[in-house]
Amino acid sequence: MSVSANQRGRLMMSTERLNESSDRIKESRRTMLETEELGVSILQDLHQQRQSLLHANDTVFLLLKVPYRLHLLTGKFEGKDERKRLMRKGGRKNK
């Protein structure tokens, strides 16, 4: 059975389209991985900033000896008992 020129041309066009689609998928995957890496980096930076803010909040609470403070996570007011607990822990929270 011989393959006609028309069939050969359609086969070549289909193969070319398949190759182009494969290239687009590879490029999309590369972009997705780069985006994921960037997202992880941003989340790590945000976590470090959050830890710094929580530590600074505890430090100000201890140094200024304000009677109460608004807890950043719970939204509840804390007072002298919380200051004593923080002083025992050296002003750091384990979270």
PDB file of N, CA and C in Angstrom:
ATOM      1  N   MET A   1       0.856  -1.173   0.000  1.00  0.00           N
ATOM      2  CA  MET A   1       0.000   0.000   0.000  1.00  0.00           C
ATOM      3  C   MET A   1       0.899   1.233   0.000  1.00  0.00           C
ATOM      4  N   SER A   2       0.687   2.115  -0.910  1.00  0.00           N
ATOM      5  CA  SER A   2       1.510   3.320  -0.987  1.00  0.00           C
ATOM      6  C   SER A   2       0.766   4.486  -0.346  1.00  0.00           C
ATOM      7  N   VAL A   3       1.548   5.393   0.209  1.00  0.00           N
ATOM      8  CA  VAL A   3       0.987   6.584   0.866  1.00  0.00           C
ATOM      9  C   VAL A   3       0.995   7.698  -0.166  1.00  0.00           C
ATOM     10  N   SER A   4      -0.136   8.305  -0.312  1.00  0.00           N
ATOM     11  CA  SER A   4      -0.233   9.382  -1.297  1.00  0.00           C
ATOM     12  C   SER A   4       0.469  10.638  -0.788  1.00  0.00           C
ATOM     13  N   ALA A   5       0.781  11.518  -1.690  1.00  0.00           N
ATOM     14  CA  ALA A   5       1.435  12.785  -1.344  1.00  0.00           C
ATOM     15  C   ALA A   5       0.535  13.597  -0.418  1.00  0.00           C
ATOM     16  N   ASN A   6      -0.756  13.524  -0.621  1.00  0.00           N
ATOM     17  CA  ASN A   6      -1.714  14.251   0.210  1.00  0.00           C
ATOM     18  C   ASN A   6      -1.670  13.726   1.648  1.00  0.00           C
ATOM     19  N   GLN A   7      -1.665  12.422   1.816  1.00  0.00           N
ATOM     20  CA  GLN A   7      -1.609  11.828   3.150  1.00  0.00           C
ATOM     21  C   GLN A   7      -0.277  12.151   3.831  1.00  0.00           C
ATOM     22  N   ARG A   8       0.801  12.093   3.082  1.00  0.00           N
ATOM     23  CA  ARG A   8       2.111  12.422   3.625  1.00  0.00           C
ATOM     24  C   ARG A   8       2.158  13.879   4.099  1.00  0.00           C
ATOM     25  N   GLY A   9       1.581  14.774   3.328  1.00  0.00           N
ATOM     26  CA  GLY A   9       1.541  16.191   3.707  1.00  0.00           C
ATOM     27  C   GLY A   9       0.735  16.406   4.982  1.00  0.00           C
ATOM     28  N   ARG A  10      -0.411  15.740   5.088  1.00  0.00           N
ATOM     29  CA  ARG A  10      -1.228  15.867   6.311  1.00  0.00           C
ATOM     30  C   ARG A  10      -0.496  15.294   7.517  1.00  0.00           C
ATOM     31  N   LEU A  11       0.194  14.185   7.337  1.00  0.00           N
ATOM     32  CA  LEU A  11       0.963  13.582   8.418  1.00  0.00           C
ATOM     33  C   LEU A  11       2.075  14.522   8.891  1.00  0.00           C
ATOM     34  N   MET A  12       2.759  15.151   7.954  1.00  0.00           N
ATOM     35  CA  MET A  12       3.836  16.086   8.306  1.00  0.00           C
ATOM     36  C   MET A  12       3.279  17.310   9.042  1.00  0.00           C
ATOM     37  N   MET A  13       2.122  17.814   8.587  1.00  0.00           N
ATOM     38  CA  MET A  13       1.501  18.964   9.270  1.00  0.00           C
ATOM     39  C   MET A  13       1.072  18.582  10.686  1.00  0.00           C
ATOM     40  N   SER A  14       0.517  17.394  10.840  1.00  0.00           N
ATOM     41  CA  SER A  14       0.094  16.929  12.169  1.00  0.00           C
ATOM     42  C   SER A  14       1.291  16.773  13.098  1.00  0.00           C
ATOM     43  N   THR A  15       2.373  16.236  12.569  1.00  0.00           N
ATOM     44  CA  THR A  15       3.592  16.070  13.364  1.00  0.00           C
ATOM     45  C   THR A  15       4.145  17.425  13.793  1.00  0.00           C
ATOM     46  N   GLU A  16       4.145  18.381  12.890  1.00  0.00           N
ATOM     47  CA  GLU A  16       4.633  19.729  13.219  1.00  0.00           C
ATOM     48  C   GLU A  16       3.767  20.369  14.301  1.00  0.00           C
ATOM     49  N   ARG A  17       2.456  20.254  14.179  1.00  0.00           N
ATOM     50  CA  ARG A  17       1.558  20.813  15.210  1.00  0.00           C
ATOM     51  C   ARG A  17       1.792  20.141  16.558  1.00  0.00           C
ATOM     52  N   LEU A  18       1.994  18.839  16.558  1.00  0.00           N
ATOM     53  CA  LEU A  18       2.269  18.111  17.795  1.00  0.00           C
ATOM     54  C   LEU A  18       3.569  18.608  18.429  1.00  0.00           C
ATOM     55  N   ASN A  19       4.598  18.802  17.626  1.00  0.00           N
ATOM     56  CA  ASN A  19       5.875  19.318  18.142  1.00  0.00           C
ATOM     57  C   ASN A  19       5.720  20.719  18.725  1.00  0.00           C
ATOM     58  N   GLU A  20       4.970  21.581  18.051  1.00  0.00           N
ATOM     59  CA  GLU A  20       4.733  22.937  18.557  1.00  0.00           C
ATOM     60  C   GLU A  20       3.974  22.897  19.881  1.00  0.00           C
ATOM     61  N   SER A  21       2.980  22.026  19.965  1.00  0.00           N
ATOM     62  CA  SER A  21       2.217  21.891  21.216  1.00  0.00           C
ATOM     63  C   SER A  21       3.111  21.398  22.347  1.00  0.00           C
ATOM     64  N   SER A  22       3.982  20.460  22.052  1.00  0.00           N
ATOM     65  CA  SER A  22       4.918  19.951  23.061  1.00  0.00           C
ATOM     66  C   SER A  22       5.839  21.062  23.548  1.00  0.00           C
ATOM     67  N   ASP A  23       6.316  21.886  22.628  1.00  0.00           N
ATOM     68  CA  ASP A  23       7.183  23.012  23.009  1.00  0.00           C
ATOM     69  C   ASP A  23       6.439  23.996  23.909  1.00  0.00           C
ATOM     70  N   ARG A  24       5.170  24.279  23.586  1.00  0.00           N
ATOM     71  CA  ARG A  24       4.375  25.199  24.422  1.00  0.00           C
ATOM     72  C   ARG A  24       4.166  24.619  25.814  1.00  0.00           C
ATOM     73  N   ILE A  25       3.924  23.319  25.896  1.00  0.00           N
ATOM     74  CA  ILE A  25       3.754  22.664  27.202  1.00  0.00           C
ATOM     75  C   ILE A  25       5.037  22.738  28.015  1.00  0.00           C
ATOM     76  N   LYS A  26       6.181  22.496  27.391  1.00  0.00           N
ATOM     77  CA  LYS A  26       7.465  22.587  28.087  1.00  0.00           C
ATOM     78  C   LYS A  26       7.703  24.003  28.605  1.00  0.00           C
ATOM     79  N   GLU A  27       7.408  24.999  27.787  1.00  0.00           N
ATOM     80  CA  GLU A  27       7.594  26.393  28.201  1.00  0.00           C
ATOM     81  C   GLU A  27       6.643  26.752  29.347  1.00  0.00           C
ATOM     82  N   SER A  28       5.423  26.276  29.271  1.00  0.00           N
ATOM     83  CA  SER A  28       4.449  26.527  30.350  1.00  0.00           C
ATOM     84  C   SER A  28       4.912  25.891  31.656  1.00  0.00           C
ATOM     85  N   ARG A  29       5.436  24.696  31.561  1.00  0.00           N
ATOM     86  CA  ARG A  29       5.939  24.009  32.760  1.00  0.00           C
ATOM     87  C   ARG A  29       7.116  24.775  33.366  1.00  0.00           C
ATOM     88  N   ARG A  30       8.014  25.264  32.512  1.00  0.00           N
ATOM     89  CA  ARG A  30       9.154  26.052  32.987  1.00  0.00           C
ATOM     90  C   ARG A  30       8.665  27.317  33.703  1.00  0.00           C
ATOM     91  N   THR A  31       7.680  27.988  33.120  1.00  0.00           N
ATOM     92  CA  THR A  31       7.115  29.194  33.733  1.00  0.00           C
ATOM     93  C   THR A  31       6.456  28.867  35.069  1.00  0.00           C
ATOM     94  N   MET A  32       5.728  27.759  35.129  1.00  0.00           N
ATOM     95  CA  MET A  32       5.063  27.354  36.363  1.00  0.00           C
ATOM     96  C   MET A  32       6.080  27.091  37.474  1.00  0.00           C
ATOM     97  N   LEU A  33       7.178  26.416  37.152  1.00  0.00           N
ATOM     98  CA  LEU A  33       8.197  26.128  38.157  1.00  0.00           C
ATOM     99  C   LEU A  33       8.879  27.407  38.655  1.00  0.00           C
ATOM    100  N   GLU A  34       9.138  28.346  37.755  1.00  0.00           N
ATOM    101  CA  GLU A  34       9.730  29.627  38.159  1.00  0.00           C
ATOM    102  C   GLU A  34       8.775  30.386  39.076  1.00  0.00           C
ATOM    103  N   THR A  35       7.492  30.366  38.739  1.00  0.00           N
ATOM    104  CA  THR A  35       6.485  31.055  39.549  1.00  0.00           C
ATOM    105  C   THR A  35       6.387  30.418  40.934  1.00  0.00           C
ATOM    106  N   GLU A  36       6.437  29.104  40.986  1.00  0.00           N
ATOM    107  CA  GLU A  36       6.384  28.403  42.268  1.00  0.00           C
ATOM    108  C   GLU A  36       7.590  28.759  43.137  1.00  0.00           C
ATOM    109  N   GLU A  37       8.771  28.797  42.548  1.00  0.00           N
ATOM    110  CA  GLU A  37       9.979  29.172  43.291  1.00  0.00           C
ATOM    111  C   GLU A  37       9.851  30.587  43.853  1.00  0.00           C
ATOM    112  N   LEU A  38       9.344  31.494  43.043  1.00  0.00           N
ATOM    113  CA  LEU A  38       9.158  32.873  43.491  1.00  0.00           C
ATOM    114  C   LEU A  38       8.159  32.926  44.638  1.00  0.00           C
ATOM    115  N   GLY A  39       7.073  32.174  44.534  1.00  0.00           N
ATOM    116  CA  GLY A  39       6.061  32.139  45.592  1.00  0.00           C
ATOM    117  C   GLY A  39       6.631  31.623  46.902  1.00  0.00           C
ATOM    118  N   VAL A  40       7.435  30.578  46.837  1.00  0.00           N
ATOM    119  CA  VAL A  40       8.059  30.025  48.043  1.00  0.00           C
ATOM    120  C   VAL A  40       8.980  31.061  48.675  1.00  0.00           C
ATOM    121  N   SER A  41       9.750  31.746  47.861  1.00  0.00           N
ATOM    122  CA  SER A  41      10.657  32.775  48.362  1.00  0.00           C
ATOM    123  C   SER A  41       9.889  33.904  49.053  1.00  0.00           C
ATOM    124  N   ILE A  42       8.799  34.331  48.447  1.00  0.00           N
ATOM    125  CA  ILE A  42       7.976  35.402  49.037  1.00  0.00           C
ATOM    126  C   ILE A  42       7.389  34.948  50.364  1.00  0.00           C
ATOM    127  N   LEU A  43       6.893  33.719  50.429  1.00  0.00           N
ATOM    128  CA  LEU A  43       6.323  33.212  51.680  1.00  0.00           C
ATOM    129  C   LEU A  43       7.379  33.127  52.780  1.00  0.00           C
ATOM    130  N   GLN A  44       8.597  32.741  52.437  1.00  0.00           N
ATOM    131  CA  GLN A  44       9.679  32.697  53.424  1.00  0.00           C
ATOM    132  C   GLN A  44       9.994  34.103  53.940  1.00  0.00           C
ATOM    133  N   ASP A  45      10.048  35.069  53.030  1.00  0.00           N
ATOM    134  CA  ASP A  45      10.304  36.455  53.436  1.00  0.00           C
ATOM    135  C   ASP A  45       9.196  36.967  54.354  1.00  0.00           C
ATOM    136  N   LEU A  46       7.953  36.688  54.004  1.00  0.00           N
ATOM    137  CA  LEU A  46       6.824  37.123  54.832  1.00  0.00           C
ATOM    138  C   LEU A  46       6.867  36.480  56.214  1.00  0.00           C
ATOM    139  N   HIS A  47       7.243  35.210  56.272  1.00  0.00           N
ATOM    140  CA  HIS A  47       7.352  34.531  57.564  1.00  0.00           C
ATOM    141  C   HIS A  47       8.419  35.201  58.437  1.00  0.00           C
ATOM    142  N   GLN A  48       9.575  35.510  57.842  1.00  0.00           N
ATOM    143  CA  GLN A  48      10.646  36.171  58.598  1.00  0.00           C
ATOM    144  C   GLN A  48      10.198  37.551  59.080  1.00  0.00           C
ATOM    145  N   GLN A  49       9.493  38.283  58.230  1.00  0.00           N
ATOM    146  CA  GLN A  49       8.998  39.607  58.622  1.00  0.00           C
ATOM    147  C   GLN A  49       7.987  39.487  59.753  1.00  0.00           C
ATOM    148  N   ARG A  50       7.119  38.470  59.681  1.00  0.00           N
ATOM    149  CA  ARG A  50       6.124  38.258  60.735  1.00  0.00           C
ATOM    150  C   ARG A  50       6.814  37.978  62.069  1.00  0.00           C
ATOM    151  N   GLN A  51       7.850  37.111  62.033  1.00  0.00           N
ATOM    152  CA  GLN A  51       8.577  36.794  63.252  1.00  0.00           C
ATOM    153  C   GLN A  51       9.236  38.049  63.831  1.00  0.00           C
ATOM    154  N   SER A  52       9.796  38.874  62.973  1.00  0.00           N
ATOM    155  CA  SER A  52      10.426  40.121  63.433  1.00  0.00           C
ATOM    156  C   SER A  52       9.408  41.046  64.078  1.00  0.00           C
ATOM    157  N   LEU A  53       8.239  41.156  63.454  1.00  0.00           N
ATOM    158  CA  LEU A  53       7.187  42.019  64.014  1.00  0.00           C
ATOM    159  C   LEU A  53       6.686  41.497  65.355  1.00  0.00           C
ATOM    160  N   LEU A  54       6.498  40.189  65.465  1.00  0.00           N
ATOM    161  CA  LEU A  54       6.042  39.627  66.741  1.00  0.00           C
ATOM    162  C   LEU A  54       7.081  39.851  67.829  1.00  0.00           C
ATOM    163  N   HIS A  55       8.350  39.663  67.493  1.00  0.00           N
ATOM    164  CA  HIS A  55       9.412  39.883  68.473  1.00  0.00           C
ATOM    165  C   HIS A  55       9.471  41.366  68.882  1.00  0.00           C
ATOM    166  N   ALA A  56       9.365  42.259  67.900  1.00  0.00           N
ATOM    167  CA  ALA A  56       9.380  43.693  68.205  1.00  0.00           C
ATOM    168  C   ALA A  56       8.191  44.072  69.079  1.00  0.00           C
ATOM    169  N   ASN A  57       7.038  43.488  68.799  1.00  0.00           N
ATOM    170  CA  ASN A  57       5.843  43.772  69.595  1.00  0.00           C
ATOM    171  C   ASN A  57       6.057  43.337  71.048  1.00  0.00           C
ATOM    172  N   ASP A  58       6.641  42.147  71.244  1.00  0.00           N
ATOM    173  CA  ASP A  58       6.920  41.674  72.603  1.00  0.00           C
ATOM    174  C   ASP A  58       7.927  42.582  73.296  1.00  0.00           C
ATOM    175  N   THR A  59       8.964  42.981  72.567  1.00  0.00           N
ATOM    176  CA  THR A  59       9.999  43.831  73.143  1.00  0.00           C
ATOM    177  C   THR A  59       9.436  45.178  73.580  1.00  0.00           C
ATOM    178  N   VAL A  60       8.631  45.798  72.748  1.00  0.00           N
ATOM    179  CA  VAL A  60       8.024  47.093  73.104  1.00  0.00           C
ATOM    180  C   VAL A  60       7.123  46.925  74.314  1.00  0.00           C
ATOM    181  N   PHE A  61       6.354  45.862  74.335  1.00  0.00           N
ATOM    182  CA  PHE A  61       5.462  45.593  75.465  1.00  0.00           C
ATOM    183  C   PHE A  61       6.256  45.483  76.759  1.00  0.00           C
ATOM    184  N   LEU A  62       7.400  44.801  76.706  1.00  0.00           N
ATOM    185  CA  LEU A  62       8.219  44.637  77.911  1.00  0.00           C
ATOM    186  C   LEU A  62       8.932  45.924  78.303  1.00  0.00           C
ATOM    187  N   LEU A  63       9.482  46.628  77.320  1.00  0.00           N
ATOM    188  CA  LEU A  63      10.286  47.808  77.631  1.00  0.00           C
ATOM    189  C   LEU A  63       9.451  49.007  78.067  1.00  0.00           C
ATOM    190  N   LEU A  64       8.326  49.218  77.423  1.00  0.00           N
ATOM    191  CA  LEU A  64       7.504  50.387  77.758  1.00  0.00           C
ATOM    192  C   LEU A  64       6.632  50.164  78.979  1.00  0.00           C
ATOM    193  N   LYS A  65       6.491  48.908  79.352  1.00  0.00           N
ATOM    194  CA  LYS A  65       5.692  48.550  80.522  1.00  0.00           C
ATOM    195  C   LYS A  65       4.284  49.128  80.461  1.00  0.00           C
ATOM    196  N   VAL A  66       3.719  49.098  79.241  1.00  0.00           N
ATOM    197  CA  VAL A  66       2.328  49.528  79.111  1.00  0.00           C
ATOM    198  C   VAL A  66       1.461  48.500  79.825  1.00  0.00           C
ATOM    199  N   PRO A  67       0.347  48.940  80.426  1.00  0.00           N
ATOM    200  CA  PRO A  67      -0.446  47.999  81.214  1.00  0.00           C
ATOM    201  C   PRO A  67      -1.091  46.891  80.379  1.00  0.00           C
ATOM    202  N   TYR A  68      -1.453  47.198  79.146  1.00  0.00           N
ATOM    203  CA  TYR A  68      -2.115  46.208  78.300  1.00  0.00           C
ATOM    204  C   TYR A  68      -1.652  46.370  76.864  1.00  0.00           C
ATOM    205  N   ARG A  69      -1.785  45.323  76.116  1.00  0.00           N
ATOM    206  CA  ARG A  69      -1.518  45.405  74.688  1.00  0.00           C
ATOM    207  C   ARG A  69      -2.525  44.521  73.958  1.00  0.00           C
ATOM    208  N   LEU A  70      -2.727  44.834  72.705  1.00  0.00           N
ATOM    209  CA  LEU A  70      -3.602  44.036  71.863  1.00  0.00           C
ATOM    210  C   LEU A  70      -2.752  42.951  71.214  1.00  0.00           C
ATOM    211  N   HIS A  71      -3.091  41.700  71.481  1.00  0.00           N
ATOM    212  CA  HIS A  71      -2.343  40.586  70.903  1.00  0.00           C
ATOM    213  C   HIS A  71      -2.572  40.566  69.401  1.00  0.00           C
ATOM    214  N   LEU A  72      -1.486  40.479  68.625  1.00  0.00           N
ATOM    215  CA  LEU A  72      -1.572  40.578  67.166  1.00  0.00           C
ATOM    216  C   LEU A  72      -2.307  39.411  66.528  1.00  0.00           C
ATOM    217  N   LEU A  73      -2.255  38.252  67.140  1.00  0.00           N
ATOM    218  CA  LEU A  73      -2.870  37.079  66.530  1.00  0.00           C
ATOM    219  C   LEU A  73      -4.306  36.851  66.987  1.00  0.00           C
ATOM    220  N   THR A  74      -4.555  37.021  68.282  1.00  0.00           N
ATOM    221  CA  THR A  74      -5.890  36.705  68.808  1.00  0.00           C
ATOM    222  C   THR A  74      -6.823  37.901  68.816  1.00  0.00           C
ATOM    223  N   GLY A  75      -6.265  39.106  68.816  1.00  0.00           N
ATOM    224  CA  GLY A  75      -7.098  40.299  68.894  1.00  0.00           C
ATOM    225  C   GLY A  75      -7.585  40.574  70.308  1.00  0.00           C
ATOM    226  N   LYS A  76      -7.060  39.824  71.285  1.00  0.00           N
ATOM    227  CA  LYS A  76      -7.464  40.008  72.687  1.00  0.00           C
ATOM    228  C   LYS A  76      -6.425  40.862  73.403  1.00  0.00           C
ATOM    229  N   PHE A  77      -6.896  41.560  74.437  1.00  0.00           N
ATOM    230  CA  PHE A  77      -5.980  42.362  75.237  1.00  0.00           C
ATOM    231  C   PHE A  77      -5.264  41.472  76.239  1.00  0.00           C
ATOM    232  N   GLU A  78      -3.986  41.756  76.440  1.00  0.00           N
ATOM    233  CA  GLU A  78      -3.176  41.029  77.407  1.00  0.00           C
ATOM    234  C   GLU A  78      -2.616  42.032  78.397  1.00  0.00           C
ATOM    235  N   GLY A  79      -2.334  41.563  79.583  1.00  0.00           N
ATOM    236  CA  GLY A  79      -1.848  42.484  80.595  1.00  0.00           C
ATOM    237  C   GLY A  79      -0.620  41.991  81.318  1.00  0.00           C
ATOM    238  N   LYS A  80      -0.597  42.289  82.641  1.00  0.00           N
ATOM    239  CA  LYS A  80       0.594  42.042  83.446  1.00  0.00           C
ATOM    240  C   LYS A  80       0.997  40.573  83.486  1.00  0.00           C
ATOM    241  N   ASP A  81       0.053  39.665  83.520  1.00  0.00           N
ATOM    242  CA  ASP A  81       0.398  38.239  83.556  1.00  0.00           C
ATOM    243  C   ASP A  81       1.170  37.839  82.310  1.00  0.00           C
ATOM    244  N   GLU A  82       0.771  38.383  81.185  1.00  0.00           N
ATOM    245  CA  GLU A  82       1.465  38.072  79.930  1.00  0.00           C
ATOM    246  C   GLU A  82       2.886  38.632  79.960  1.00  0.00           C
ATOM    247  N   ARG A  83       3.076  39.827  80.548  1.00  0.00           N
ATOM    248  CA  ARG A  83       4.418  40.409  80.643  1.00  0.00           C
ATOM    249  C   ARG A  83       5.318  39.502  81.479  1.00  0.00           C
ATOM    250  N   LYS A  84       4.800  38.991  82.579  1.00  0.00           N
ATOM    251  CA  LYS A  84       5.596  38.105  83.436  1.00  0.00           C
ATOM    252  C   LYS A  84       5.997  36.841  82.677  1.00  0.00           C
ATOM    253  N   ARG A  85       5.057  36.282  81.940  1.00  0.00           N
ATOM    254  CA  ARG A  85       5.350  35.070  81.170  1.00  0.00           C
ATOM    255  C   ARG A  85       6.422  35.351  80.118  1.00  0.00           C
ATOM    256  N   LEU A  86       6.312  36.486  79.452  1.00  0.00           N
ATOM    257  CA  LEU A  86       7.296  36.837  78.431  1.00  0.00           C
ATOM    258  C   LEU A  86       8.669  37.079  79.045  1.00  0.00           C
ATOM    259  N   MET A  87       8.698  37.702  80.194  1.00  0.00           N
ATOM    260  CA  MET A  87       9.978  37.968  80.846  1.00  0.00           C
ATOM    261  C   MET A  87      10.654  36.648  81.230  1.00  0.00           C
ATOM    262  N   ARG A  88       9.870  35.671  81.668  1.00  0.00           N
ATOM    263  CA  ARG A  88      10.445  34.353  82.001  1.00  0.00           C
ATOM    264  C   ARG A  88      11.012  33.688  80.756  1.00  0.00           C
ATOM    265  N   LYS A  89      10.381  33.914  79.619  1.00  0.00           N
ATOM    266  CA  LYS A  89      10.852  33.297  78.370  1.00  0.00           C
ATOM    267  C   LYS A  89      11.889  34.166  77.672  1.00  0.00           C
ATOM    268  N   GLY A  90      12.260  35.247  78.223  1.00  0.00           N
ATOM    269  CA  GLY A  90      13.247  36.115  77.589  1.00  0.00           C
ATOM    270  C   GLY A  90      12.650  36.992  76.497  1.00  0.00           C
ATOM    271  N   GLY A  91      11.347  37.227  76.564  1.00  0.00           N
ATOM    272  CA  GLY A  91      10.709  38.113  75.599  1.00  0.00           C
ATOM    273  C   GLY A  91      10.385  37.454  74.274  1.00  0.00           C
ATOM    274  N   ARG A  92      10.532  36.115  74.182  1.00  0.00           N
ATOM    275  CA  ARG A  92      10.265  35.428  72.925  1.00  0.00           C
ATOM    276  C   ARG A  92       9.117  34.468  73.079  1.00  0.00           C
ATOM    277  N   LYS A  93       8.379  34.338  72.002  1.00  0.00           N
ATOM    278  CA  LYS A  93       7.298  33.356  71.958  1.00  0.00           C
ATOM    279  C   LYS A  93       7.745  32.212  71.078  1.00  0.00           C
ATOM    280  N   ASN A  94       7.322  31.029  71.414  1.00  0.00           N
ATOM    281  CA  ASN A  94       7.644  29.852  70.589  1.00  0.00           C
ATOM    282  C   ASN A  94       6.443  29.517  69.743  1.00  0.00           C
ATOM    283  N   LYS A  95       6.453  30.022  68.506  1.00  0.00           N
ATOM    284  CA  LYS A  95       5.349  29.747  67.583  1.00  0.00           C
ATOM    285  C   LYS A  95       5.883  29.293  66.277  1.00  0.00           C
TER     286      LYS A  95
END
